[in-house]
Amino acid sequence: MAQHIEARVTASSRDEADRICSTLVARRLAACAQVVAPISSTYWWAGEVQQAEEWLLLMKTTADRFEELAACVRELHSYEVPEIVAIPIVQGTPDYLEWIRRETAPERGE
């Protein structure tokens, strides 16, 4: 399993995206977070195809912090079933990966 991941979440508004990102970084559940905005999403929900404008959140963290990050997103998110996925970071510069590890270490922020 990868030690470092990029967690991806979609949000319904820029305000919601910014609030989630700020909270995750402040709680040291993510070392950094970017908002890509807006994106067009098409998906099944409530038995029919839906389309919506959403904001994509990209957050760097460690695999060990994913469950806590996901729980925090669920706590802050307006969706009943938010998209919360992790993509493994299979390679990166040693100094950047160490920065992610250092900034998300539980003893730093808890």
Protein backbone atom coordinates (compact mmCIF):
# COMPACT_ATOMS: atom_id res chain seq x y z
CA MET A 1 0.00 0.00 0.00
CA ALA A 2 1.21 3.52 -0.79
CA GLN A 3 2.33 5.59 2.20
CA HIS A 4 1.20 8.86 0.61
CA ILE A 5 -2.12 9.56 -1.08
CA GLU A 6 -4.09 12.26 -2.81
CA ALA A 7 -7.60 12.36 -1.38
CA ARG A 8 -10.27 13.62 -3.79
CA VAL A 9 -13.61 15.07 -2.79
CA THR A 10 -16.26 16.99 -4.71
CA ALA A 11 -18.26 19.78 -3.09
CA SER A 12 -21.45 21.60 -4.02
CA SER A 13 -20.06 25.14 -3.71
CA ARG A 14 -16.83 27.08 -3.48
CA ASP A 15 -17.66 28.04 0.11
CA GLU A 16 -18.15 24.40 1.10
CA ALA A 17 -14.92 23.42 -0.69
CA ASP A 18 -12.92 26.16 1.04
CA ARG A 19 -14.39 25.29 4.46
CA ILE A 20 -13.54 21.59 4.06
CA CYS A 21 -10.00 22.34 2.83
CA SER A 22 -9.30 24.84 5.60
CA THR A 23 -10.55 22.50 8.30
CA LEU A 24 -8.59 19.49 7.03
CA VAL A 25 -5.35 21.46 6.83
CA ALA A 26 -5.92 23.12 10.22
CA ARG A 27 -6.52 19.70 11.81
CA ARG A 28 -3.38 18.37 10.06
CA LEU A 29 -5.39 15.71 8.25
CA ALA A 30 -3.99 17.08 4.97
CA ALA A 31 -0.67 18.80 4.37
CA CYS A 32 -2.20 20.89 1.60
CA ALA A 33 -5.44 21.18 -0.33
CA GLN A 34 -6.32 22.64 -3.70
CA VAL A 35 -9.71 23.54 -5.12
CA VAL A 36 -10.26 22.99 -8.84
CA ALA A 37 -13.34 24.87 -9.89
CA PRO A 38 -15.84 24.46 -11.28
CA ILE A 39 -16.26 21.04 -12.87
CA SER A 40 -19.30 19.52 -14.52
CA SER A 41 -20.43 16.21 -13.00
CA THR A 42 -22.89 13.66 -14.38
CA TYR A 43 -23.97 10.82 -12.09
CA TRP A 44 -26.80 8.53 -11.02
CA TRP A 45 -28.73 9.69 -7.94
CA ALA A 46 -32.25 8.93 -6.73
CA GLY A 47 -32.89 6.64 -9.69
CA GLU A 48 -32.04 9.11 -12.44
CA VAL A 49 -29.15 10.78 -14.19
CA GLN A 50 -28.21 14.08 -12.55
CA GLN A 51 -25.92 16.88 -13.66
CA ALA A 52 -24.34 19.44 -11.36
CA GLU A 53 -21.60 22.01 -11.14
CA GLU A 54 -19.18 20.96 -8.42
CA TRP A 55 -15.79 21.92 -7.03
CA LEU A 56 -13.00 19.32 -6.91
CA LEU A 57 -10.78 19.17 -3.82
CA LEU A 58 -7.31 17.60 -4.08
CA MET A 59 -5.63 16.95 -0.73
CA LYS A 60 -2.22 15.41 0.00
CA THR A 61 -1.95 13.25 3.08
CA THR A 62 -0.71 9.88 4.30
CA ALA A 63 -2.59 6.61 3.98
CA ASP A 64 -2.65 6.37 7.79
CA ARG A 65 -4.69 9.61 8.02
CA PHE A 66 -7.29 8.71 5.35
CA GLU A 67 -10.00 7.37 7.68
CA GLU A 68 -9.79 10.46 9.92
CA LEU A 69 -9.82 12.72 6.86
CA ALA A 70 -12.89 10.91 5.48
CA ALA A 71 -14.72 11.18 8.81
CA CYS A 72 -14.01 14.91 8.95
CA VAL A 73 -15.24 15.40 5.37
CA ARG A 74 -18.48 13.54 6.21
CA GLU A 75 -18.94 15.77 9.26
CA LEU A 76 -18.58 18.97 7.17
CA HIS A 77 -20.15 17.92 3.86
CA SER A 78 -23.66 18.75 2.65
CA TYR A 79 -24.05 15.57 0.55
CA GLU A 80 -25.67 12.43 1.92
CA VAL A 81 -22.97 10.36 0.17
CA PRO A 82 -19.96 12.55 -0.62
CA GLU A 83 -17.27 11.38 -3.00
CA ILE A 84 -14.22 10.63 -0.86
CA VAL A 85 -11.55 8.59 -2.65
CA ALA A 86 -7.81 8.10 -2.33
CA ILE A 87 -5.32 7.87 -5.16
CA PRO A 88 -1.91 6.43 -4.26
CA ILE A 89 1.11 8.64 -4.79
CA VAL A 90 3.49 6.06 -6.21
CA GLN A 91 6.42 8.39 -6.59
CA GLY A 92 7.45 11.88 -5.54
CA THR A 93 10.52 13.82 -4.56
CA PRO A 94 11.81 12.70 -1.17
CA ASP A 95 11.64 16.18 0.34
CA TYR A 96 7.99 16.70 -0.74
CA LEU A 97 6.89 13.29 0.55
CA GLU A 98 8.68 13.94 3.84
CA TRP A 99 6.90 17.31 4.08
CA ILE A 100 3.52 15.58 3.66
CA ARG A 101 4.42 13.06 6.36
CA ARG A 102 5.73 15.73 8.73
CA GLU A 103 2.76 18.10 8.32
CA THR A 104 0.17 15.35 8.83
CA ALA A 105 1.83 13.65 11.78
CA PRO A 106 -0.82 13.26 14.53
CA GLU A 107 1.46 14.62 17.26
CA ARG A 108 1.77 17.93 15.34
CA GLY A 109 -1.87 18.93 15.51
CA GLU A 110 -3.52 16.83 18.17
